[in-house]
PDB file of N, CA and C in Angstrom:
ATOM      1  N   MET A   1      13.872  -5.929-110.865  1.00  0.00           N
ATOM      2  CA  MET A   1      13.436  -7.198-110.539  1.00  0.00           C
ATOM      3  C   MET A   1      14.493  -8.020-111.375  1.00  0.00           C
ATOM      4  N   SER A   2      14.107  -9.046-110.025  1.00  0.00           N
ATOM      5  CA  SER A   2      15.049 -10.424-110.286  1.00  0.00           C
ATOM      6  C   SER A   2      14.280 -11.708-111.021  1.00  0.00           C
ATOM      7  N   THR A   3      15.266 -12.167-112.011  1.00  0.00           N
ATOM      8  CA  THR A   3      14.597 -13.625-112.836  1.00  0.00           C
ATOM      9  C   THR A   3      15.102 -14.930-112.422  1.00  0.00           C
ATOM     10  N   ALA A   4      16.149 -14.348-111.796  1.00  0.00           N
ATOM     11  CA  ALA A   4      16.707 -15.937-111.629  1.00  0.00           C
ATOM     12  C   ALA A   4      16.823 -15.868-109.863  1.00  0.00           C
ATOM     13  N   PRO A   5      16.772 -17.092-109.190  1.00  0.00           N
ATOM     14  CA  PRO A   5      17.134 -17.515-107.967  1.00  0.00           C
ATOM     15  C   PRO A   5      18.293 -17.061-107.164  1.00  0.00           C
ATOM     16  N   ASP A   6      18.412 -16.042-106.115  1.00  0.00           N
ATOM     17  CA  ASP A   6      19.328 -15.431-105.733  1.00  0.00           C
ATOM     18  C   ASP A   6      19.610 -16.041-104.008  1.00  0.00           C
ATOM     19  N   GLU A   7      20.410 -16.042-103.202  1.00  0.00           N
ATOM     20  CA  GLU A   7      20.273 -15.991-101.900  1.00  0.00           C
ATOM     21  C   GLU A   7      19.065 -15.524-100.878  1.00  0.00           C
ATOM     22  N   GLY A   8      18.737 -14.273-101.439  1.00  0.00           N
ATOM     23  CA  GLY A   8      17.601 -13.280-100.737  1.00  0.00           C
ATOM     24  C   GLY A   8      16.271 -14.083-101.479  1.00  0.00           C
ATOM     25  N   VAL A   9      16.297 -14.604-102.585  1.00  0.00           N
ATOM     26  CA  VAL A   9      14.855 -15.647-103.130  1.00  0.00           C
ATOM     27  C   VAL A   9      15.161 -16.805-102.338  1.00  0.00           C
ATOM     28  N   THR A  10      16.047 -17.412-102.325  1.00  0.00           N
ATOM     29  CA  THR A  10      16.234 -18.577-101.690  1.00  0.00           C
ATOM     30  C   THR A  10      15.521 -18.712-100.263  1.00  0.00           C
ATOM     31  N   GLU A  11      16.105 -17.505 -99.226  1.00  0.00           N
ATOM     32  CA  GLU A  11      15.628 -17.306 -97.917  1.00  0.00           C
ATOM     33  C   GLU A  11      14.426 -16.938 -97.717  1.00  0.00           C
ATOM     34  N   THR A  12      13.771 -16.372 -98.694  1.00  0.00           N
ATOM     35  CA  THR A  12      12.347 -15.827 -98.881  1.00  0.00           C
ATOM     36  C   THR A  12      11.269 -16.977 -98.630  1.00  0.00           C
ATOM     37  N   LEU A  13      11.788 -17.820 -99.802  1.00  0.00           N
ATOM     38  CA  LEU A  13      11.226 -19.416-100.215  1.00  0.00           C
ATOM     39  C   LEU A  13      10.947 -20.159 -99.201  1.00  0.00           C
ATOM     40  N   LYS A  14      11.831 -20.064 -97.999  1.00  0.00           N
ATOM     41  CA  LYS A  14      11.442 -21.087 -97.348  1.00  0.00           C
ATOM     42  C   LYS A  14      10.469 -20.770 -95.789  1.00  0.00           C
ATOM     43  N   ARG A  15       9.919 -19.800 -95.826  1.00  0.00           N
ATOM     44  CA  ARG A  15       8.731 -18.921 -95.560  1.00  0.00           C
ATOM     45  C   ARG A  15       7.658 -18.913 -96.008  1.00  0.00           C
ATOM     46  N   GLY A  16       6.389 -19.169 -95.950  1.00  0.00           N
ATOM     47  CA  GLY A  16       5.491 -18.215 -96.627  1.00  0.00           C
ATOM     48  C   GLY A  16       5.232 -16.811 -96.556  1.00  0.00           C
ATOM     49  N   GLU A  17       5.108 -16.696 -97.756  1.00  0.00           N
ATOM     50  CA  GLU A  17       4.200 -14.746 -97.388  1.00  0.00           C
ATOM     51  C   GLU A  17       3.383 -14.498 -98.443  1.00  0.00           C
ATOM     52  N   VAL A  18       2.599 -13.256 -98.551  1.00  0.00           N
ATOM     53  CA  VAL A  18       1.943 -12.636 -99.763  1.00  0.00           C
ATOM     54  C   VAL A  18       2.268 -12.729-100.867  1.00  0.00           C
ATOM     55  N   MET A  19       2.103 -13.220-102.132  1.00  0.00           N
ATOM     56  CA  MET A  19       3.154 -13.132-102.798  1.00  0.00           C
ATOM     57  C   MET A  19       1.740 -12.849-104.434  1.00  0.00           C
ATOM     58  N   ASP A  20       2.477 -12.498-105.770  1.00  0.00           N
ATOM     59  CA  ASP A  20       1.397 -12.509-106.914  1.00  0.00           C
ATOM     60  C   ASP A  20       1.890 -13.631-107.894  1.00  0.00           C
ATOM     61  N   ILE A  21       1.083 -14.304-108.374  1.00  0.00           N
ATOM     62  CA  ILE A  21       0.887 -15.433-109.540  1.00  0.00           C
ATOM     63  C   ILE A  21       0.248 -14.391-110.570  1.00  0.00           C
ATOM     64  N   THR A  22       1.008 -14.784-112.338  1.00  0.00           N
ATOM     65  CA  THR A  22       0.555 -14.467-113.362  1.00  0.00           C
ATOM     66  C   THR A  22      -0.114 -15.592-114.166  1.00  0.00           C
ATOM     67  N   THR A  23      -0.666 -16.060-114.258  1.00  0.00           N
ATOM     68  CA  THR A  23      -1.343 -16.897-115.092  1.00  0.00           C
ATOM     69  C   THR A  23      -1.931 -16.603-116.496  1.00  0.00           C
ATOM     70  N   ILE A  24      -1.940 -17.492-117.458  1.00  0.00           N
ATOM     71  CA  ILE A  24      -2.385 -16.983-118.420  1.00  0.00           C
ATOM     72  C   ILE A  24      -3.961 -17.599-118.646  1.00  0.00           C
ATOM     73  N   GLY A  25      -5.088 -16.578-119.262  1.00  0.00           N
ATOM     74  CA  GLY A  25      -6.837 -16.830-118.883  1.00  0.00           C
ATOM     75  C   GLY A  25      -6.883 -18.124-119.683  1.00  0.00           C
ATOM     76  N   ARG A  26      -7.160 -19.190-119.169  1.00  0.00           N
ATOM     77  CA  ARG A  26      -7.460 -20.466-119.981  1.00  0.00           C
ATOM     78  C   ARG A  26      -8.875 -20.097-121.946  1.00  0.00           C
ATOM     79  N   LYS A  27      -9.594 -19.190-121.055  1.00  0.00           N
ATOM     80  CA  LYS A  27     -10.385 -18.724-122.269  1.00  0.00           C
ATOM     81  C   LYS A  27      -9.877 -17.716-122.968  1.00  0.00           C
ATOM     82  N   SER A  28      -9.482 -16.444-122.381  1.00  0.00           N
ATOM     83  CA  SER A  28      -9.246 -15.250-123.088  1.00  0.00           C
ATOM     84  C   SER A  28      -7.314 -15.453-124.118  1.00  0.00           C
ATOM     85  N   GLY A  29      -6.565 -16.269-123.001  1.00  0.00           N
ATOM     86  CA  GLY A  29      -5.195 -16.596-123.450  1.00  0.00           C
ATOM     87  C   GLY A  29      -4.692 -14.944-123.025  1.00  0.00           C
ATOM     88  N   GLU A  30      -4.834 -14.153-122.053  1.00  0.00           N
ATOM     89  CA  GLU A  30      -4.698 -12.829-121.456  1.00  0.00           C
ATOM     90  C   GLU A  30      -3.419 -13.234-120.144  1.00  0.00           C
ATOM     91  N   PRO A  31      -2.629 -12.106-119.898  1.00  0.00           N
ATOM     92  CA  PRO A  31      -2.508 -12.669-118.873  1.00  0.00           C
ATOM     93  C   PRO A  31      -3.237 -12.133-117.506  1.00  0.00           C
ATOM     94  N   ARG A  32      -3.385 -12.715-116.299  1.00  0.00           N
ATOM     95  CA  ARG A  32      -4.181 -12.681-115.293  1.00  0.00           C
ATOM     96  C   ARG A  32      -3.455 -12.793-113.941  1.00  0.00           C
ATOM     97  N   ARG A  33      -3.406 -11.323-113.093  1.00  0.00           N
ATOM     98  CA  ARG A  33      -2.319 -11.580-112.268  1.00  0.00           C
ATOM     99  C   ARG A  33      -3.292 -11.241-110.678  1.00  0.00           C
ATOM    100  N   ILE A  34      -3.064 -12.420-109.870  1.00  0.00           N
ATOM    101  CA  ILE A  34      -3.955 -11.980-108.559  1.00  0.00           C
ATOM    102  C   ILE A  34      -2.992 -12.146-107.239  1.00  0.00           C
ATOM    103  N   GLU A  35      -2.841 -12.119-106.536  1.00  0.00           N
ATOM    104  CA  GLU A  35      -2.446 -11.860-105.351  1.00  0.00           C
ATOM    105  C   GLU A  35      -2.747 -12.960-104.379  1.00  0.00           C
ATOM    106  N   LEU A  36      -1.856 -13.642-104.012  1.00  0.00           N
ATOM    107  CA  LEU A  36      -1.893 -15.334-103.124  1.00  0.00           C
ATOM    108  C   LEU A  36      -1.095 -15.451-102.036  1.00  0.00           C
ATOM    109  N   VAL A  37      -1.325 -16.108-101.574  1.00  0.00           N
ATOM    110  CA  VAL A  37      -0.331 -16.711-100.032  1.00  0.00           C
ATOM    111  C   VAL A  37      -0.216 -18.216-100.726  1.00  0.00           C
ATOM    112  N   TYR A  38       2.125 -18.563-100.472  1.00  0.00           N
ATOM    113  CA  TYR A  38       2.447 -19.468-100.689  1.00  0.00           C
ATOM    114  C   TYR A  38       3.056 -19.871 -99.057  1.00  0.00           C
ATOM    115  N   HIS A  39       3.245 -21.333 -99.359  1.00  0.00           N
ATOM    116  CA  HIS A  39       3.671 -21.999 -98.154  1.00  0.00           C
ATOM    117  C   HIS A  39       4.970 -22.973 -98.318  1.00  0.00           C
ATOM    118  N   ASN A  40       5.623 -22.860 -97.454  1.00  0.00           N
ATOM    119  CA  ASN A  40       7.120 -23.975 -98.057  1.00  0.00           C
ATOM    120  C   ASN A  40       6.401 -25.223 -96.847  1.00  0.00           C
ATOM    121  N   VAL A  41       6.457 -26.266 -97.236  1.00  0.00           N
ATOM    122  CA  VAL A  41       5.694 -27.713 -96.159  1.00  0.00           C
ATOM    123  C   VAL A  41       6.623 -28.199 -96.613  1.00  0.00           C
ATOM    124  N   ASP A  42       8.109 -28.788 -96.032  1.00  0.00           N
ATOM    125  CA  ASP A  42       9.111 -29.830 -96.067  1.00  0.00           C
ATOM    126  C   ASP A  42       9.714 -29.533 -97.182  1.00  0.00           C
ATOM    127  N   GLY A  43       9.649 -28.035 -97.748  1.00  0.00           N
ATOM    128  CA  GLY A  43      10.730 -27.623 -99.104  1.00  0.00           C
ATOM    129  C   GLY A  43       9.727 -27.753 -99.964  1.00  0.00           C
ATOM    130  N   HIS A  44       8.678 -27.889 -99.654  1.00  0.00           N
ATOM    131  CA  HIS A  44       8.117 -27.678-101.313  1.00  0.00           C
ATOM    132  C   HIS A  44       7.310 -26.497-101.062  1.00  0.00           C
ATOM    133  N   ILE A  45       6.969 -25.862-101.902  1.00  0.00           N
ATOM    134  CA  ILE A  45       6.718 -24.857-102.173  1.00  0.00           C
ATOM    135  C   ILE A  45       5.171 -24.625-102.894  1.00  0.00           C
ATOM    136  N   LEU A  46       4.080 -24.293-102.040  1.00  0.00           N
ATOM    137  CA  LEU A  46       2.392 -24.641-102.522  1.00  0.00           C
ATOM    138  C   LEU A  46       1.906 -23.538-102.198  1.00  0.00           C
ATOM    139  N   ILE A  47       1.121 -23.393-103.388  1.00  0.00           N
ATOM    140  CA  ILE A  47       0.026 -22.377-103.015  1.00  0.00           C
ATOM    141  C   ILE A  47      -1.430 -23.203-102.560  1.00  0.00           C
ATOM    142  N   SER A  48      -2.161 -22.400-101.671  1.00  0.00           N
ATOM    143  CA  SER A  48      -3.666 -23.216-101.265  1.00  0.00           C
ATOM    144  C   SER A  48      -4.111 -22.065-101.488  1.00  0.00           C
ATOM    145  N   GLY A  49      -5.313 -21.879-100.861  1.00  0.00           N
ATOM    146  CA  GLY A  49      -6.409 -20.929-100.381  1.00  0.00           C
ATOM    147  C   GLY A  49      -7.656 -21.621 -99.658  1.00  0.00           C
ATOM    148  N   HIS A  50      -8.615 -20.495 -99.567  1.00  0.00           N
ATOM    149  CA  HIS A  50      -9.639 -21.167 -98.411  1.00  0.00           C
ATOM    150  C   HIS A  50     -10.480 -22.282 -99.298  1.00  0.00           C
ATOM    151  N   PRO A  51     -11.283 -23.291 -98.696  1.00  0.00           N
ATOM    152  CA  PRO A  51     -11.744 -24.242 -99.708  1.00  0.00           C
ATOM    153  C   PRO A  51     -13.326 -23.518 -99.830  1.00  0.00           C
ATOM    154  N   GLY A  52     -13.779 -24.093-100.928  1.00  0.00           N
ATOM    155  CA  GLY A  52     -15.377 -23.471-101.241  1.00  0.00           C
ATOM    156  C   GLY A  52     -14.970 -23.598-102.423  1.00  0.00           C
ATOM    157  N   ARG A  53     -15.765 -22.516-103.347  1.00  0.00           N
ATOM    158  CA  ARG A  53     -16.323 -21.866-104.591  1.00  0.00           C
ATOM    159  C   ARG A  53     -14.796 -22.346-105.537  1.00  0.00           C
ATOM    160  N   PRO A  54     -15.276 -22.235-106.914  1.00  0.00           N
ATOM    161  CA  PRO A  54     -14.056 -23.137-107.626  1.00  0.00           C
ATOM    162  C   PRO A  54     -13.252 -21.594-108.141  1.00  0.00           C
ATOM    163  N   ARG A  55     -11.822 -21.864-108.255  1.00  0.00           N
ATOM    164  CA  ARG A  55     -11.214 -20.678-108.525  1.00  0.00           C
ATOM    165  C   ARG A  55     -10.525 -20.286-109.839  1.00  0.00           C
ATOM    166  N   SER A  56     -10.708 -19.002-110.454  1.00  0.00           N
ATOM    167  CA  SER A  56     -10.330 -18.851-111.793  1.00  0.00           C
ATOM    168  C   SER A  56      -8.512 -19.311-112.462  1.00  0.00           C
ATOM    169  N   TRP A  57      -7.908 -18.712-111.094  1.00  0.00           N
ATOM    170  CA  TRP A  57      -6.656 -18.751-111.451  1.00  0.00           C
ATOM    171  C   TRP A  57      -6.452 -20.327-111.280  1.00  0.00           C
ATOM    172  N   LEU A  58      -7.072 -21.557-110.486  1.00  0.00           N
ATOM    173  CA  LEU A  58      -6.421 -22.530-110.263  1.00  0.00           C
ATOM    174  C   LEU A  58      -7.239 -23.345-111.890  1.00  0.00           C
ATOM    175  N   ALA A  59      -7.912 -22.764-112.362  1.00  0.00           N
ATOM    176  CA  ALA A  59      -8.505 -23.583-113.417  1.00  0.00           C
ATOM    177  C   ALA A  59      -7.926 -23.145-114.676  1.00  0.00           C
ATOM    178  N   ASN A  60      -7.285 -21.771-114.808  1.00  0.00           N
ATOM    179  CA  ASN A  60      -5.747 -21.337-115.543  1.00  0.00           C
ATOM    180  C   ASN A  60      -5.005 -22.160-115.642  1.00  0.00           C
ATOM    181  N   LEU A  61      -4.019 -22.484-114.329  1.00  0.00           N
ATOM    182  CA  LEU A  61      -3.016 -23.530-113.975  1.00  0.00           C
ATOM    183  C   LEU A  61      -3.020 -24.591-114.562  1.00  0.00           C
ATOM    184  N   ALA A  62      -4.110 -25.335-114.522  1.00  0.00           N
ATOM    185  CA  ALA A  62      -4.908 -26.317-114.428  1.00  0.00           C
ATOM    186  C   ALA A  62      -4.867 -26.758-116.010  1.00  0.00           C
ATOM    187  N   ALA A  63      -5.353 -25.773-117.063  1.00  0.00           N
ATOM    188  CA  ALA A  63      -4.995 -25.606-118.388  1.00  0.00           C
ATOM    189  C   ALA A  63      -3.822 -25.181-118.810  1.00  0.00           C
ATOM    190  N   ASN A  64      -2.903 -24.314-118.337  1.00  0.00           N
ATOM    191  CA  ASN A  64      -1.431 -23.711-118.897  1.00  0.00           C
ATOM    192  C   ASN A  64      -0.902 -23.573-117.639  1.00  0.00           C
ATOM    193  N   PRO A  65       0.029 -24.881-116.991  1.00  0.00           N
ATOM    194  CA  PRO A  65       0.481 -24.754-115.730  1.00  0.00           C
ATOM    195  C   PRO A  65       1.727 -23.878-115.919  1.00  0.00           C
ATOM    196  N   ARG A  66       1.988 -23.193-116.614  1.00  0.00           N
ATOM    197  CA  ARG A  66       3.271 -22.281-116.492  1.00  0.00           C
ATOM    198  C   ARG A  66       3.038 -21.132-116.470  1.00  0.00           C
ATOM    199  N   PHE A  67       3.859 -20.268-115.420  1.00  0.00           N
ATOM    200  CA  PHE A  67       3.159 -19.137-114.689  1.00  0.00           C
ATOM    201  C   PHE A  67       4.459 -18.355-114.281  1.00  0.00           C
ATOM    202  N   THR A  68       3.905 -16.719-113.878  1.00  0.00           N
ATOM    203  CA  THR A  68       5.125 -16.197-113.102  1.00  0.00           C
ATOM    204  C   THR A  68       4.923 -15.955-112.034  1.00  0.00           C
ATOM    205  N   PHE A  69       5.407 -16.215-110.745  1.00  0.00           N
ATOM    206  CA  PHE A  69       5.632 -15.928-109.195  1.00  0.00           C
ATOM    207  C   PHE A  69       6.394 -14.633-108.805  1.00  0.00           C
ATOM    208  N   HIS A  70       5.422 -14.189-108.380  1.00  0.00           N
ATOM    209  CA  HIS A  70       5.881 -12.524-108.072  1.00  0.00           C
ATOM    210  C   HIS A  70       6.465 -12.669-106.825  1.00  0.00           C
ATOM    211  N   LEU A  71       7.888 -12.822-106.493  1.00  0.00           N
ATOM    212  CA  LEU A  71       7.804 -11.734-104.343  1.00  0.00           C
ATOM    213  C   LEU A  71       7.879 -10.613-104.791  1.00  0.00           C
ATOM    214  N   LYS A  72       7.026  -9.854-103.924  1.00  0.00           N
ATOM    215  CA  LYS A  72       6.525  -8.722-103.959  1.00  0.00           C
ATOM    216  C   LYS A  72       6.645  -8.108-102.419  1.00  0.00           C
ATOM    217  N   ARG A  73       7.792  -8.411-101.141  1.00  0.00           N
ATOM    218  CA  ARG A  73       7.264  -7.895-100.027  1.00  0.00           C
ATOM    219  C   ARG A  73       9.028  -7.818 -99.752  1.00  0.00           C
ATOM    220  N   SER A  74       9.216  -9.767 -98.834  1.00  0.00           N
ATOM    221  CA  SER A  74      10.759  -8.885 -98.217  1.00  0.00           C
ATOM    222  C   SER A  74      11.878  -8.588 -99.099  1.00  0.00           C
ATOM    223  N   VAL A  75      11.227  -9.442-100.711  1.00  0.00           N
ATOM    224  CA  VAL A  75      12.407  -9.464-101.924  1.00  0.00           C
ATOM    225  C   VAL A  75      11.139  -9.786-102.742  1.00  0.00           C
ATOM    226  N   GLN A  76      11.928  -8.759-103.843  1.00  0.00           N
ATOM    227  CA  GLN A  76      10.832  -8.533-104.837  1.00  0.00           C
ATOM    228  C   GLN A  76      11.893  -9.652-106.294  1.00  0.00           C
ATOM    229  N   ALA A  77      11.034 -10.392-106.915  1.00  0.00           N
ATOM    230  CA  ALA A  77      11.452 -11.131-107.932  1.00  0.00           C
ATOM    231  C   ALA A  77      10.440 -11.873-108.838  1.00  0.00           C
ATOM    232  N   ASP A  78      10.645 -11.484-109.740  1.00  0.00           N
ATOM    233  CA  ASP A  78       9.605 -12.303-110.633  1.00  0.00           C
ATOM    234  C   ASP A  78      10.340 -13.831-111.330  1.00  0.00           C
ATOM    235  N   LEU A  79       9.534 -14.681-110.875  1.00  0.00           N
ATOM    236  CA  LEU A  79      10.195 -16.277-111.221  1.00  0.00           C
ATOM    237  C   LEU A  79       9.361 -17.153-112.233  1.00  0.00           C
ATOM    238  N   THR A  80       9.821 -17.497-113.039  1.00  0.00           N
ATOM    239  CA  THR A  80       8.736 -18.232-113.620  1.00  0.00           C
ATOM    240  C   THR A  80       8.869 -19.900-113.168  1.00  0.00           C
ATOM    241  N   ALA A  81       7.640 -20.525-113.861  1.00  0.00           N
ATOM    242  CA  ALA A  81       7.197 -21.577-113.204  1.00  0.00           C
ATOM    243  C   ALA A  81       6.545 -22.457-113.518  1.00  0.00           C
ATOM    244  N   THR A  82       6.249 -23.755-113.114  1.00  0.00           N
ATOM    245  CA  THR A  82       5.261 -24.686-113.434  1.00  0.00           C
ATOM    246  C   THR A  82       4.785 -24.693-112.304  1.00  0.00           C
ATOM    247  N   ALA A  83       3.191 -24.895-112.485  1.00  0.00           N
ATOM    248  CA  ALA A  83       2.167 -25.669-111.294  1.00  0.00           C
ATOM    249  C   ALA A  83       1.999 -27.352-111.593  1.00  0.00           C
ATOM    250  N   ARG A  84       2.009 -27.747-110.485  1.00  0.00           N
ATOM    251  CA  ARG A  84       1.301 -29.166-111.030  1.00  0.00           C
ATOM    252  C   ARG A  84       0.196 -28.914-109.646  1.00  0.00           C
ATOM    253  N   VAL A  85      -1.225 -29.143-110.337  1.00  0.00           N
ATOM    254  CA  VAL A  85      -2.409 -29.164-109.478  1.00  0.00           C
ATOM    255  C   VAL A  85      -2.483 -30.179-108.603  1.00  0.00           C
ATOM    256  N   ILE A  86      -2.323 -30.365-106.986  1.00  0.00           N
ATOM    257  CA  ILE A  86      -2.365 -31.233-106.402  1.00  0.00           C
ATOM    258  C   ILE A  86      -3.490 -32.294-106.322  1.00  0.00           C
ATOM    259  N   THR A  87      -4.408 -33.274-106.821  1.00  0.00           N
ATOM    260  CA  THR A  87      -5.299 -34.162-106.761  1.00  0.00           C
ATOM    261  C   THR A  87      -5.192 -35.228-105.812  1.00  0.00           C
ATOM    262  N   ASP A  88      -4.525 -35.739-105.445  1.00  0.00           N
ATOM    263  CA  ASP A  88      -4.123 -37.122-105.066  1.00  0.00           C
ATOM    264  C   ASP A  88      -4.815 -36.379-103.200  1.00  0.00           C
ATOM    265  N   THR A  89      -5.213 -37.943-103.260  1.00  0.00           N
ATOM    266  CA  THR A  89      -5.717 -37.485-101.695  1.00  0.00           C
ATOM    267  C   THR A  89      -5.128 -37.563-100.573  1.00  0.00           C
ATOM    268  N   ALA A  90      -3.904 -38.597-100.297  1.00  0.00           N
ATOM    269  CA  ALA A  90      -2.892 -38.521 -99.835  1.00  0.00           C
ATOM    270  C   ALA A  90      -2.030 -37.599 -99.464  1.00  0.00           C
ATOM    271  N   GLU A  91      -1.434 -37.011-101.039  1.00  0.00           N
ATOM    272  CA  GLU A  91      -0.616 -35.710-100.868  1.00  0.00           C
ATOM    273  C   GLU A  91      -1.402 -34.473-100.146  1.00  0.00           C
ATOM    274  N   ARG A  92      -2.954 -34.405-100.273  1.00  0.00           N
ATOM    275  CA  ARG A  92      -3.325 -33.529-100.215  1.00  0.00           C
ATOM    276  C   ARG A  92      -3.895 -33.093 -98.701  1.00  0.00           C
ATOM    277  N   GLU A  93      -3.274 -34.702 -97.890  1.00  0.00           N
ATOM    278  CA  GLU A  93      -3.977 -34.393 -96.548  1.00  0.00           C
ATOM    279  C   GLU A  93      -2.659 -34.154 -95.694  1.00  0.00           C
ATOM    280  N   ARG A  94      -1.429 -34.787 -96.458  1.00  0.00           N
ATOM    281  CA  ARG A  94      -0.086 -34.404 -96.227  1.00  0.00           C
ATOM    282  C   ARG A  94       0.439 -32.829 -95.687  1.00  0.00           C
ATOM    283  N   PHE A  95       0.203 -32.388 -97.059  1.00  0.00           N
ATOM    284  CA  PHE A  95       0.486 -30.894 -97.048  1.00  0.00           C
ATOM    285  C   PHE A  95      -0.123 -29.915 -96.801  1.00  0.00           C
ATOM    286  N   LEU A  96      -1.997 -29.987 -96.735  1.00  0.00           N
ATOM    287  CA  LEU A  96      -2.608 -28.987 -96.158  1.00  0.00           C
ATOM    288  C   LEU A  96      -2.500 -29.398 -94.416  1.00  0.00           C
ATOM    289  N   LYS A  97      -2.388 -30.379 -93.873  1.00  0.00           N
ATOM    290  CA  LYS A  97      -2.562 -30.153 -92.476  1.00  0.00           C
ATOM    291  C   LYS A  97      -1.568 -29.226 -91.776  1.00  0.00           C
ATOM    292  N   PRO A  98      -0.285 -28.606 -92.189  1.00  0.00           N
ATOM    293  CA  PRO A  98       0.066 -27.007 -91.699  1.00  0.00           C
ATOM    294  C   PRO A  98      -0.619 -26.069 -92.157  1.00  0.00           C
ATOM    295  N   ILE A  99      -1.448 -26.335 -93.233  1.00  0.00           N
ATOM    296  CA  ILE A  99      -1.580 -25.208 -93.805  1.00  0.00           C
ATOM    297  C   ILE A  99      -2.883 -24.766 -92.621  1.00  0.00           C
ATOM    298  N   SER A 100      -3.592 -25.875 -93.102  1.00  0.00           N
ATOM    299  CA  SER A 100      -5.154 -25.715 -92.547  1.00  0.00           C
ATOM    300  C   SER A 100      -4.905 -25.790 -90.788  1.00  0.00           C
ATOM    301  N   ALA A 101      -4.315 -25.914 -89.661  1.00  0.00           N
ATOM    302  CA  ALA A 101      -4.069 -25.637 -89.113  1.00  0.00           C
ATOM    303  C   ALA A 101      -3.348 -24.261 -88.765  1.00  0.00           C
ATOM    304  N   GLY A 102      -2.465 -23.468 -89.259  1.00  0.00           N
ATOM    305  CA  GLY A 102      -2.372 -22.198 -89.475  1.00  0.00           C
ATOM    306  C   GLY A 102      -3.367 -21.139 -89.442  1.00  0.00           C
ATOM    307  N   TRP A 103      -4.448 -22.641 -90.572  1.00  0.00           N
ATOM    308  CA  TRP A 103      -5.389 -20.907 -90.620  1.00  0.00           C
ATOM    309  C   TRP A 103      -6.711 -21.328 -89.811  1.00  0.00           C
ATOM    310  N   ARG A 104      -6.424 -22.276 -88.848  1.00  0.00           N
ATOM    311  CA  ARG A 104      -7.490 -22.608 -88.298  1.00  0.00           C
ATOM    312  C   ARG A 104      -8.772 -23.107 -89.236  1.00  0.00           C
ATOM    313  N   ILE A 105      -8.461 -23.781 -90.164  1.00  0.00           N
ATOM    314  CA  ILE A 105     -10.127 -24.463 -90.807  1.00  0.00           C
ATOM    315  C   ILE A 105      -9.645 -25.772 -90.943  1.00  0.00           C
ATOM    316  N   ASP A 106     -10.975 -26.249 -90.559  1.00  0.00           N
ATOM    317  CA  ASP A 106     -10.845 -27.843 -90.630  1.00  0.00           C
ATOM    318  C   ASP A 106     -10.076 -28.706 -91.454  1.00  0.00           C
ATOM    319  N   HIS A 107      -9.454 -29.608 -91.300  1.00  0.00           N
ATOM    320  CA  HIS A 107      -8.651 -29.878 -92.256  1.00  0.00           C
ATOM    321  C   HIS A 107      -9.176 -31.015 -93.116  1.00  0.00           C
ATOM    322  N   ALA A 108     -10.185 -31.402 -92.992  1.00  0.00           N
ATOM    323  CA  ALA A 108     -11.178 -32.128 -93.828  1.00  0.00           C
ATOM    324  C   ALA A 108     -11.578 -31.596 -95.077  1.00  0.00           C
ATOM    325  N   LEU A 109     -12.323 -30.418 -94.393  1.00  0.00           N
ATOM    326  CA  LEU A 109     -12.883 -29.341 -95.443  1.00  0.00           C
ATOM    327  C   LEU A 109     -11.702 -29.156 -96.282  1.00  0.00           C
ATOM    328  N   MET A 110     -10.711 -28.664 -95.595  1.00  0.00           N
ATOM    329  CA  MET A 110      -9.326 -28.391 -97.069  1.00  0.00           C
ATOM    330  C   MET A 110      -9.154 -29.279 -97.787  1.00  0.00           C
ATOM    331  N   VAL A 111      -8.659 -30.159 -97.209  1.00  0.00           N
ATOM    332  CA  VAL A 111      -8.483 -31.682 -98.225  1.00  0.00           C
ATOM    333  C   VAL A 111     -10.019 -31.567 -98.891  1.00  0.00           C
ATOM    334  N   GLY A 112     -11.019 -31.928 -98.853  1.00  0.00           N
ATOM    335  CA  GLY A 112     -11.831 -31.648 -99.795  1.00  0.00           C
ATOM    336  C   GLY A 112     -12.013 -30.701-100.567  1.00  0.00           C
ATOM    337  N   SER A 113     -11.587 -29.922-100.673  1.00  0.00           N
ATOM    338  CA  SER A 113     -12.344 -28.611-101.632  1.00  0.00           C
ATOM    339  C   SER A 113     -11.230 -27.291-101.353  1.00  0.00           C
ATOM    340  N   ALA A 114     -10.296 -27.381-100.605  1.00  0.00           N
ATOM    341  CA  ALA A 114      -9.182 -26.177-100.844  1.00  0.00           C
ATOM    342  C   ALA A 114      -8.334 -26.584-102.335  1.00  0.00           C
ATOM    343  N   PRO A 115      -8.144 -24.879-102.621  1.00  0.00           N
ATOM    344  CA  PRO A 115      -7.335 -24.685-103.964  1.00  0.00           C
ATOM    345  C   PRO A 115      -5.804 -25.632-103.345  1.00  0.00           C
ATOM    346  N   LEU A 116      -5.155 -26.640-104.541  1.00  0.00           N
ATOM    347  CA  LEU A 116      -3.609 -27.196-103.843  1.00  0.00           C
ATOM    348  C   LEU A 116      -2.741 -27.123-104.948  1.00  0.00           C
ATOM    349  N   VAL A 117      -1.962 -26.455-105.129  1.00  0.00           N
ATOM    350  CA  VAL A 117      -0.862 -26.465-106.079  1.00  0.00           C
ATOM    351  C   VAL A 117       0.457 -26.125-105.933  1.00  0.00           C
ATOM    352  N   GLU A 118       1.716 -27.081-106.423  1.00  0.00           N
ATOM    353  CA  GLU A 118       2.900 -27.492-105.872  1.00  0.00           C
ATOM    354  C   GLU A 118       3.607 -26.535-106.997  1.00  0.00           C
ATOM    355  N   VAL A 119       4.701 -25.949-106.927  1.00  0.00           N
ATOM    356  CA  VAL A 119       5.449 -24.850-107.483  1.00  0.00           C
ATOM    357  C   VAL A 119       6.520 -25.394-107.753  1.00  0.00           C
ATOM    358  N   ALA A 120       6.929 -25.705-109.167  1.00  0.00           N
ATOM    359  CA  ALA A 120       8.079 -26.141-109.259  1.00  0.00           C
ATOM    360  C   ALA A 120       9.093 -24.735-110.704  1.00  0.00           C
ATOM    361  N   PHE A 121      10.348 -24.045-109.998  1.00  0.00           N
ATOM    362  CA  PHE A 121      10.668 -23.198-110.821  1.00  0.00           C
ATOM    363  C   PHE A 121      11.743 -23.524-111.715  1.00  0.00           C
ATOM    364  N   ASP A 122      11.508 -22.778-112.649  1.00  0.00           N
ATOM    365  CA  ASP A 122      12.625 -23.090-113.790  1.00  0.00           C
ATOM    366  C   ASP A 122      14.032 -23.130-113.562  1.00  0.00           C
TER     367      ASP A 122
END
């Protein structure tokens, strides 16, 4: 697997797809890997999820924003990254608009309670 972005990785990141992230458990200190979906909204790589219950992966990233972003479908690569949990309402409104439309979930519900993280790659 690749550890540095190449042309295939760059092209893959232009669209969203299923991937995994590995976070460090905020309580255990152990690696935790979970499958999620990422989105590219206006050049911003975002991880979100359905609204509702708290997420361990989000709490882990809030406690330790360093993580590994694993592409595993069309291209396979392990990319080191830093997460920024987005709490600002205006940013949430903007970034979640295309995600909520694509998932056919009420936009206000998404803005109010869906997890939302921006990814910055090393």
